Amino acid sequence: MLPDDPVKAVAVVVVLVGLVLLAAAAVFLFFPRAEETGGDAENRIAPRRKVLKGAKIEFGGTAIDCLVRNISETGAAIEVTGQLKCPVTFVLAISSDGSTRNCRVVWRRGKRIGVKFS
């Protein structure tokens, strides 16, 4: 039951909302999302290893700088510097080893893009 005084009622509501937000923050702190833990490893064909390699997303004569965050024989997670739009298929050119891979986007989360090599 809320207090009769409107100021006290608002204070109670503010405190309750704060407690809900605090509980939600605790859940996210102690139970990280799948992409923060490397995704659902049971659904992967090949294990990924963490890397930090400079690369380029190449398509239609255009190149976008990116970072390869993790990679496997079958795909990778890459990060772009901004919310740039890239096509569903493109070539990933990794500068450190001179390799190029044809890719297809399988997921997007903010600046991160998950790709499958084709």
C-alpha atoms as a PDB file:
ATOM      1  CA  MET A   1       0.000   0.000   0.000  1.00  0.00           C
ATOM      2  CA  LEU A   2       1.362   3.425  -0.988  1.00  0.00           C
ATOM      3  CA  PRO A   3       1.509   6.289   1.513  1.00  0.00           C
ATOM      4  CA  ASP A   4      -1.230   8.936   1.399  1.00  0.00           C
ATOM      5  CA  ASP A   5       1.285  11.757   0.874  1.00  0.00           C
ATOM      6  CA  PRO A   6       2.017  12.053  -2.918  1.00  0.00           C
ATOM      7  CA  VAL A   7       5.668  13.006  -2.307  1.00  0.00           C
ATOM      8  CA  LYS A   8       6.218   9.896  -0.196  1.00  0.00           C
ATOM      9  CA  ALA A   9       4.442   7.772  -2.796  1.00  0.00           C
ATOM     10  CA  VAL A  10       6.751   9.055  -5.532  1.00  0.00           C
ATOM     11  CA  ALA A  11       9.767   8.391  -3.279  1.00  0.00           C
ATOM     12  CA  VAL A  12       8.625   4.799  -2.716  1.00  0.00           C
ATOM     13  CA  VAL A  13       8.180   4.248  -6.458  1.00  0.00           C
ATOM     14  CA  VAL A  14      11.625   5.717  -7.191  1.00  0.00           C
ATOM     15  CA  VAL A  15      13.232   3.425  -4.604  1.00  0.00           C
ATOM     16  CA  LEU A  16      11.433   0.371  -6.019  1.00  0.00           C
ATOM     17  CA  VAL A  17      12.506   1.199  -9.581  1.00  0.00           C
ATOM     18  CA  GLY A  18      16.069   1.651  -8.329  1.00  0.00           C
ATOM     19  CA  LEU A  19      15.992  -1.765  -6.682  1.00  0.00           C
ATOM     20  CA  VAL A  20      14.734  -3.391  -9.880  1.00  0.00           C
ATOM     21  CA  LEU A  21      17.510  -1.725 -11.906  1.00  0.00           C
ATOM     22  CA  LEU A  22      20.101  -2.795  -9.337  1.00  0.00           C
ATOM     23  CA  ALA A  23      18.887  -6.397  -9.505  1.00  0.00           C
ATOM     24  CA  ALA A  24      18.998  -6.335 -13.325  1.00  0.00           C
ATOM     25  CA  ALA A  25      22.563  -4.966 -13.257  1.00  0.00           C
ATOM     26  CA  ALA A  26      23.594  -7.758 -10.871  1.00  0.00           C
ATOM     27  CA  VAL A  27      22.140 -10.386 -13.219  1.00  0.00           C
ATOM     28  CA  PHE A  28      24.130  -9.005 -16.175  1.00  0.00           C
ATOM     29  CA  LEU A  29      27.266  -8.747 -14.052  1.00  0.00           C
ATOM     30  CA  PHE A  30      27.180 -12.344 -12.827  1.00  0.00           C
ATOM     31  CA  PHE A  31      25.645 -13.948 -15.932  1.00  0.00           C
ATOM     32  CA  PRO A  32      27.360 -12.514 -19.048  1.00  0.00           C
ATOM     33  CA  ARG A  33      25.681 -12.651 -22.431  1.00  0.00           C
ATOM     34  CA  ALA A  34      26.630 -15.387 -24.898  1.00  0.00           C
ATOM     35  CA  GLU A  35      28.680 -13.068 -27.158  1.00  0.00           C
ATOM     36  CA  GLU A  36      30.777 -11.953 -24.161  1.00  0.00           C
ATOM     37  CA  THR A  37      31.696 -15.531 -23.358  1.00  0.00           C
ATOM     38  CA  GLY A  38      32.390 -16.505 -26.960  1.00  0.00           C
ATOM     39  CA  GLY A  39      28.868 -17.544 -27.888  1.00  0.00           C
ATOM     40  CA  ASP A  40      27.308 -20.950 -27.683  1.00  0.00           C
ATOM     41  CA  ALA A  41      30.328 -23.206 -28.173  1.00  0.00           C
ATOM     42  CA  GLU A  42      28.167 -26.317 -28.493  1.00  0.00           C
ATOM     43  CA  ASN A  43      26.754 -25.005 -31.790  1.00  0.00           C
ATOM     44  CA  ARG A  44      30.177 -24.405 -33.320  1.00  0.00           C
ATOM     45  CA  ILE A  45      31.694 -26.746 -35.843  1.00  0.00           C
ATOM     46  CA  ALA A  46      35.265 -25.683 -35.041  1.00  0.00           C
ATOM     47  CA  PRO A  47      36.689 -24.110 -31.863  1.00  0.00           C
ATOM     48  CA  ARG A  48      37.580 -20.422 -32.098  1.00  0.00           C
ATOM     49  CA  ARG A  49      40.724 -18.847 -30.743  1.00  0.00           C
ATOM     50  CA  LYS A  50      40.991 -15.273 -29.558  1.00  0.00           C
ATOM     51  CA  VAL A  51      43.115 -13.005 -31.726  1.00  0.00           C
ATOM     52  CA  LEU A  52      43.538  -9.305 -32.357  1.00  0.00           C
ATOM     53  CA  LYS A  53      44.406  -8.873 -36.027  1.00  0.00           C
ATOM     54  CA  GLY A  54      43.941  -5.888 -38.291  1.00  0.00           C
ATOM     55  CA  ALA A  55      41.926  -6.664 -41.411  1.00  0.00           C
ATOM     56  CA  LYS A  56      39.790  -5.155 -44.155  1.00  0.00           C
ATOM     57  CA  ILE A  57      36.267  -5.902 -45.300  1.00  0.00           C
ATOM     58  CA  GLU A  58      36.433  -5.678 -49.093  1.00  0.00           C
ATOM     59  CA  PHE A  59      33.432  -5.424 -51.414  1.00  0.00           C
ATOM     60  CA  GLY A  60      32.651  -3.644 -54.667  1.00  0.00           C
ATOM     61  CA  GLY A  61      35.984  -1.820 -54.815  1.00  0.00           C
ATOM     62  CA  THR A  62      35.515  -0.521 -51.234  1.00  0.00           C
ATOM     63  CA  ALA A  63      37.476  -1.486 -48.113  1.00  0.00           C
ATOM     64  CA  ILE A  64      36.477  -0.984 -44.456  1.00  0.00           C
ATOM     65  CA  ASP A  65      39.051  -1.377 -41.676  1.00  0.00           C
ATOM     66  CA  CYS A  66      38.172  -3.897 -38.979  1.00  0.00           C
ATOM     67  CA  LEU A  67      39.654  -6.091 -36.256  1.00  0.00           C
ATOM     68  CA  VAL A  68      39.411  -9.866 -36.145  1.00  0.00           C
ATOM     69  CA  ARG A  69      38.554 -10.710 -32.512  1.00  0.00           C
ATOM     70  CA  ASN A  70      38.350 -14.495 -32.785  1.00  0.00           C
ATOM     71  CA  ILE A  71      38.745 -16.953 -35.609  1.00  0.00           C
ATOM     72  CA  SER A  72      38.359 -20.638 -36.475  1.00  0.00           C
ATOM     73  CA  GLU A  73      38.590 -22.749 -39.590  1.00  0.00           C
ATOM     74  CA  THR A  74      34.930 -22.032 -40.346  1.00  0.00           C
ATOM     75  CA  GLY A  75      34.347 -18.421 -39.287  1.00  0.00           C
ATOM     76  CA  ALA A  76      35.277 -15.371 -37.254  1.00  0.00           C
ATOM     77  CA  ALA A  77      33.995 -12.527 -35.136  1.00  0.00           C
ATOM     78  CA  ILE A  78      35.099  -9.145 -36.419  1.00  0.00           C
ATOM     79  CA  GLU A  79      34.660  -5.629 -35.096  1.00  0.00           C
ATOM     80  CA  VAL A  80      34.242  -2.485 -37.173  1.00  0.00           C
ATOM     81  CA  THR A  81      35.090   1.010 -35.941  1.00  0.00           C
ATOM     82  CA  GLY A  82      31.566   2.350 -36.427  1.00  0.00           C
ATOM     83  CA  GLN A  83      28.048   1.261 -37.240  1.00  0.00           C
ATOM     84  CA  LEU A  84      28.969   0.985 -40.913  1.00  0.00           C
ATOM     85  CA  LYS A  85      26.840  -1.103 -43.207  1.00  0.00           C
ATOM     86  CA  CYS A  86      28.606  -3.900 -44.980  1.00  0.00           C
ATOM     87  CA  PRO A  87      26.998  -6.378 -47.358  1.00  0.00           C
ATOM     88  CA  VAL A  88      25.930  -9.886 -46.436  1.00  0.00           C
ATOM     89  CA  THR A  89      28.870 -11.327 -48.396  1.00  0.00           C
ATOM     90  CA  PHE A  90      32.360  -9.866 -48.695  1.00  0.00           C
ATOM     91  CA  VAL A  91      36.065 -10.717 -48.681  1.00  0.00           C
ATOM     92  CA  LEU A  92      37.949 -10.502 -45.381  1.00  0.00           C
ATOM     93  CA  ALA A  93      41.617  -9.620 -45.966  1.00  0.00           C
ATOM     94  CA  ILE A  94      43.839 -10.203 -42.912  1.00  0.00           C
ATOM     95  CA  SER A  95      46.942  -8.080 -43.283  1.00  0.00           C
ATOM     96  CA  SER A  96      49.237  -9.852 -40.777  1.00  0.00           C
ATOM     97  CA  ASP A  97      49.243 -13.170 -42.617  1.00  0.00           C
ATOM     98  CA  GLY A  98      48.205 -11.990 -46.097  1.00  0.00           C
ATOM     99  CA  SER A  99      45.175 -14.290 -46.175  1.00  0.00           C
ATOM    100  CA  THR A 100      41.807 -13.567 -47.750  1.00  0.00           C
ATOM    101  CA  ARG A 101      38.558 -15.387 -47.023  1.00  0.00           C
ATOM    102  CA  ASN A 102      35.139 -15.146 -48.640  1.00  0.00           C
ATOM    103  CA  CYS A 103      32.611 -14.469 -45.859  1.00  0.00           C
ATOM    104  CA  ARG A 104      28.887 -14.496 -45.230  1.00  0.00           C
ATOM    105  CA  VAL A 105      27.430 -12.553 -42.275  1.00  0.00           C
ATOM    106  CA  VAL A 106      25.557 -14.800 -39.827  1.00  0.00           C
ATOM    107  CA  TRP A 107      24.942 -12.306 -36.996  1.00  0.00           C
ATOM    108  CA  ARG A 108      25.396  -8.621 -36.082  1.00  0.00           C
ATOM    109  CA  ARG A 109      25.514  -7.059 -32.615  1.00  0.00           C
ATOM    110  CA  GLY A 110      26.416  -3.394 -32.568  1.00  0.00           C
ATOM    111  CA  LYS A 111      29.943  -3.073 -33.945  1.00  0.00           C
ATOM    112  CA  ARG A 112      30.548  -6.854 -33.927  1.00  0.00           C
ATOM    113  CA  ILE A 113      29.838  -9.085 -36.907  1.00  0.00           C
ATOM    114  CA  GLY A 114      29.945 -12.875 -36.952  1.00  0.00           C
ATOM    115  CA  VAL A 115      30.911 -14.408 -40.276  1.00  0.00           C
ATOM    116  CA  LYS A 116      31.032 -17.873 -41.763  1.00  0.00           C
ATOM    117  CA  PHE A 117      33.755 -18.603 -44.266  1.00  0.00           C
ATOM    118  CA  SER A 118      32.509 -19.849 -47.620  1.00  0.00           C
END
